[in-house]
Amino acid sequence: GYYTYTAEEVQRAVTNVGIVHLEEFNIREHLQDIFIDPPEIDGVMRRIGPIADVVGTRWKDLARHIGIDEAAITAAEERNPDPVSCCTEILTNWRRDKGRDATERALDEALMATGLKTVAKNVK
C-alpha cells in the first residue's frame, strides 16, 4: 500500500535534502530523496550525530568507505574546525546525495570496513 505523508514529514524530508523553501522545490528532481520509508530516513539521520561523536580522527577512513572522494574530504576538513564537524558534514552530505542508497546497512558496512565494528553495533 501507499504511505500518506503528513505536511511535517514532507517538510522534514525537504529540509534533509537541503531545500529551505518549499516554493523552490522541484518535486520531480527529488522524489527518490524524499519518499523513503520514514524509519529508514530517520534511522540514518538520527545516527549521524552520535557516530560523528565517537569516530574521531577515523572520519576520513569512514568517508572513503562510503565513497567520498579526496576533494570532498579535503574541503570538509578546510571548512570545519574539528573531526566531529567534519564527520557530521560528510555523513549528512552522503545521506543527501545517495538518497535511497544511504541506508543504515550501508553505513554499518562502512563502519565495519573502517574497523569500527563496535560503533556499528552500539550506536543505533
C-alpha atoms as a PDB file:
ATOM      1  CA  GLY A   1       0.000   0.000   0.000  1.00  0.00           C
ATOM      2  CA  TYR A   2       0.860   3.633  -0.079  1.00  0.00           C
ATOM      3  CA  TYR A   3       2.045   5.655   2.853  1.00  0.00           C
ATOM      4  CA  THR A   4       0.407   9.047   3.305  1.00  0.00           C
ATOM      5  CA  TYR A   5       2.914  11.678   4.356  1.00  0.00           C
ATOM      6  CA  THR A   6       1.944  14.470   6.704  1.00  0.00           C
ATOM      7  CA  ALA A   7       2.936  18.042   5.903  1.00  0.00           C
ATOM      8  CA  GLU A   8       5.504  17.878   8.740  1.00  0.00           C
ATOM      9  CA  GLU A   9       7.110  14.724   7.305  1.00  0.00           C
ATOM     10  CA  VAL A  10       7.370  16.283   3.850  1.00  0.00           C
ATOM     11  CA  GLN A  11       8.885  19.481   5.288  1.00  0.00           C
ATOM     12  CA  ARG A  12      11.411  17.450   7.330  1.00  0.00           C
ATOM     13  CA  ALA A  13      12.347  15.387   4.265  1.00  0.00           C
ATOM     14  CA  VAL A  14      12.665  18.504   2.107  1.00  0.00           C
ATOM     15  CA  THR A  15      14.920  20.061   4.752  1.00  0.00           C
ATOM     16  CA  ASN A  16      17.028  16.876   4.873  1.00  0.00           C
ATOM     17  CA  VAL A  17      17.805  17.150   1.160  1.00  0.00           C
ATOM     18  CA  GLY A  18      18.912  20.763   1.631  1.00  0.00           C
ATOM     19  CA  ILE A  19      15.886  22.708   0.433  1.00  0.00           C
ATOM     20  CA  VAL A  20      14.913  25.501   2.769  1.00  0.00           C
ATOM     21  CA  HIS A  21      11.904  26.954   0.976  1.00  0.00           C
ATOM     22  CA  LEU A  22       9.230  24.623  -0.343  1.00  0.00           C
ATOM     23  CA  GLU A  23       8.431  27.007  -3.203  1.00  0.00           C
ATOM     24  CA  GLU A  24      11.956  26.429  -4.586  1.00  0.00           C
ATOM     25  CA  PHE A  25      11.343  22.706  -4.610  1.00  0.00           C
ATOM     26  CA  ASN A  26      11.089  20.794  -7.877  1.00  0.00           C
ATOM     27  CA  ILE A  27       9.310  17.605  -6.822  1.00  0.00           C
ATOM     28  CA  ARG A  28      10.314  15.613  -9.914  1.00  0.00           C
ATOM     29  CA  GLU A  29      14.026  16.077  -9.140  1.00  0.00           C
ATOM     30  CA  HIS A  30      13.763  14.974  -5.520  1.00  0.00           C
ATOM     31  CA  LEU A  31      11.088  12.277  -5.370  1.00  0.00           C
ATOM     32  CA  GLN A  32      13.518   9.463  -4.602  1.00  0.00           C
ATOM     33  CA  ASP A  33      15.247  11.566  -1.924  1.00  0.00           C
ATOM     34  CA  ILE A  34      12.046  12.428  -0.106  1.00  0.00           C
ATOM     35  CA  PHE A  35       9.821   9.397  -0.357  1.00  0.00           C
ATOM     36  CA  ILE A  36      11.856   6.932   1.610  1.00  0.00           C
ATOM     37  CA  ASP A  37      10.214   4.883   4.314  1.00  0.00           C
ATOM     38  CA  PRO A  38      10.225   7.111   7.413  1.00  0.00           C
ATOM     39  CA  PRO A  39      12.073   4.640   9.689  1.00  0.00           C
ATOM     40  CA  GLU A  40      14.979   4.407   7.242  1.00  0.00           C
ATOM     41  CA  ILE A  41      15.450   8.142   6.780  1.00  0.00           C
ATOM     42  CA  ASP A  42      15.088   8.727  10.492  1.00  0.00           C
ATOM     43  CA  GLY A  43      17.490   5.883  11.308  1.00  0.00           C
ATOM     44  CA  VAL A  44      20.357   7.231   9.227  1.00  0.00           C
ATOM     45  CA  MET A  45      19.813  10.873  10.164  1.00  0.00           C
ATOM     46  CA  ARG A  46      19.362  10.023  13.855  1.00  0.00           C
ATOM     47  CA  ARG A  47      22.702   8.170  13.934  1.00  0.00           C
ATOM     48  CA  ILE A  48      24.861  10.809  12.242  1.00  0.00           C
ATOM     49  CA  GLY A  49      25.492  12.920  15.369  1.00  0.00           C
ATOM     50  CA  PRO A  50      26.257  10.036  17.738  1.00  0.00           C
ATOM     51  CA  ILE A  51      28.511   8.365  15.163  1.00  0.00           C
ATOM     52  CA  ALA A  52      30.389  11.602  14.487  1.00  0.00           C
ATOM     53  CA  ASP A  53      30.929  11.998  18.237  1.00  0.00           C
ATOM     54  CA  VAL A  54      32.796   8.689  18.527  1.00  0.00           C
ATOM     55  CA  VAL A  55      34.519   8.227  15.141  1.00  0.00           C
ATOM     56  CA  GLY A  56      37.102  10.898  15.907  1.00  0.00           C
ATOM     57  CA  THR A  57      40.103  11.045  13.609  1.00  0.00           C
ATOM     58  CA  ARG A  58      38.903   7.941  11.714  1.00  0.00           C
ATOM     59  CA  TRP A  59      36.301  10.098   9.916  1.00  0.00           C
ATOM     60  CA  LYS A  60      38.433  10.248   6.759  1.00  0.00           C
ATOM     61  CA  ASP A  61      38.608   6.450   6.565  1.00  0.00           C
ATOM     62  CA  LEU A  62      34.848   6.252   7.038  1.00  0.00           C
ATOM     63  CA  ALA A  63      34.346   8.876   4.329  1.00  0.00           C
ATOM     64  CA  ARG A  64      36.423   6.837   1.888  1.00  0.00           C
ATOM     65  CA  HIS A  65      34.455   3.675   2.699  1.00  0.00           C
ATOM     66  CA  ILE A  66      31.151   5.398   1.869  1.00  0.00           C
ATOM     67  CA  GLY A  67      32.571   6.583  -1.444  1.00  0.00           C
ATOM     68  CA  ILE A  68      33.507  10.182  -0.689  1.00  0.00           C
ATOM     69  CA  ASP A  69      36.303  11.461  -2.920  1.00  0.00           C
ATOM     70  CA  GLU A  70      39.500  13.074  -1.640  1.00  0.00           C
ATOM     71  CA  ALA A  71      38.487  16.550  -2.828  1.00  0.00           C
ATOM     72  CA  ALA A  72      35.307  16.449  -0.719  1.00  0.00           C
ATOM     73  CA  ILE A  73      37.272  15.157   2.282  1.00  0.00           C
ATOM     74  CA  THR A  74      39.799  17.986   1.959  1.00  0.00           C
ATOM     75  CA  ALA A  75      37.014  20.562   1.535  1.00  0.00           C
ATOM     76  CA  ALA A  76      35.217  19.305   4.673  1.00  0.00           C
ATOM     77  CA  GLU A  77      38.484  19.492   6.601  1.00  0.00           C
ATOM     78  CA  GLU A  78      39.084  23.080   5.456  1.00  0.00           C
ATOM     79  CA  ARG A  79      35.542  24.187   6.367  1.00  0.00           C
ATOM     80  CA  ASN A  80      35.319  22.548   9.779  1.00  0.00           C
ATOM     81  CA  PRO A  81      37.315  23.124  12.961  1.00  0.00           C
ATOM     82  CA  ASP A  82      37.293  19.573  14.328  1.00  0.00           C
ATOM     83  CA  PRO A  83      36.815  15.899  13.388  1.00  0.00           C
ATOM     84  CA  VAL A  84      33.254  15.751  14.773  1.00  0.00           C
ATOM     85  CA  SER A  85      32.132  18.593  12.494  1.00  0.00           C
ATOM     86  CA  CYS A  86      33.945  17.063   9.520  1.00  0.00           C
ATOM     87  CA  CYS A  87      32.314  13.681  10.057  1.00  0.00           C
ATOM     88  CA  THR A  88      28.879  15.246  10.546  1.00  0.00           C
ATOM     89  CA  GLU A  89      29.191  17.185   7.284  1.00  0.00           C
ATOM     90  CA  ILE A  90      30.431  14.180   5.316  1.00  0.00           C
ATOM     91  CA  LEU A  91      27.697  11.841   6.598  1.00  0.00           C
ATOM     92  CA  THR A  92      24.944  14.423   6.106  1.00  0.00           C
ATOM     93  CA  ASN A  93      26.064  15.116   2.541  1.00  0.00           C
ATOM     94  CA  TRP A  94      26.352  11.374   1.858  1.00  0.00           C
ATOM     95  CA  ARG A  95      22.791  10.869   3.077  1.00  0.00           C
ATOM     96  CA  ARG A  96      21.543  13.736   0.918  1.00  0.00           C
ATOM     97  CA  ASP A  97      23.478  12.755  -2.198  1.00  0.00           C
ATOM     98  CA  LYS A  98      22.884   8.992  -2.108  1.00  0.00           C
ATOM     99  CA  GLY A  99      19.153   9.124  -1.353  1.00  0.00           C
ATOM    100  CA  ARG A 100      17.768   5.592  -1.085  1.00  0.00           C
ATOM    101  CA  ASP A 101      21.256   4.082  -1.200  1.00  0.00           C
ATOM    102  CA  ALA A 102      22.272   5.811   2.043  1.00  0.00           C
ATOM    103  CA  THR A 103      20.871   3.104   4.294  1.00  0.00           C
ATOM    104  CA  GLU A 104      21.694   2.076   7.824  1.00  0.00           C
ATOM    105  CA  ARG A 105      23.061  -1.171   6.415  1.00  0.00           C
ATOM    106  CA  ALA A 106      25.418   0.718   4.068  1.00  0.00           C
ATOM    107  CA  LEU A 107      26.521   2.899   6.974  1.00  0.00           C
ATOM    108  CA  ASP A 108      27.140  -0.141   9.203  1.00  0.00           C
ATOM    109  CA  GLU A 109      29.124  -1.876   6.459  1.00  0.00           C
ATOM    110  CA  ALA A 110      31.299   1.216   6.019  1.00  0.00           C
ATOM    111  CA  LEU A 111      31.850   1.464   9.781  1.00  0.00           C
ATOM    112  CA  MET A 112      32.889  -2.190   9.942  1.00  0.00           C
ATOM    113  CA  ALA A 113      35.208  -1.797   6.926  1.00  0.00           C
ATOM    114  CA  THR A 114      36.785   1.155   8.746  1.00  0.00           C
ATOM    115  CA  GLY A 115      37.458  -1.049  11.770  1.00  0.00           C
ATOM    116  CA  LEU A 116      34.663   0.498  13.808  1.00  0.00           C
ATOM    117  CA  LYS A 117      32.579  -2.625  14.362  1.00  0.00           C
ATOM    118  CA  THR A 118      31.755  -1.595  17.935  1.00  0.00           C
ATOM    119  CA  VAL A 119      30.354   1.720  16.694  1.00  0.00           C
ATOM    120  CA  ALA A 120      28.263  -0.088  14.056  1.00  0.00           C
ATOM    121  CA  LYS A 121      26.818  -2.404  16.691  1.00  0.00           C
ATOM    122  CA  ASN A 122      26.337   0.032  19.558  1.00  0.00           C
ATOM    123  CA  VAL A 123      25.345   3.366  18.002  1.00  0.00           C
ATOM    124  CA  LYS A 124      21.773   2.769  16.879  1.00  0.00           C
END
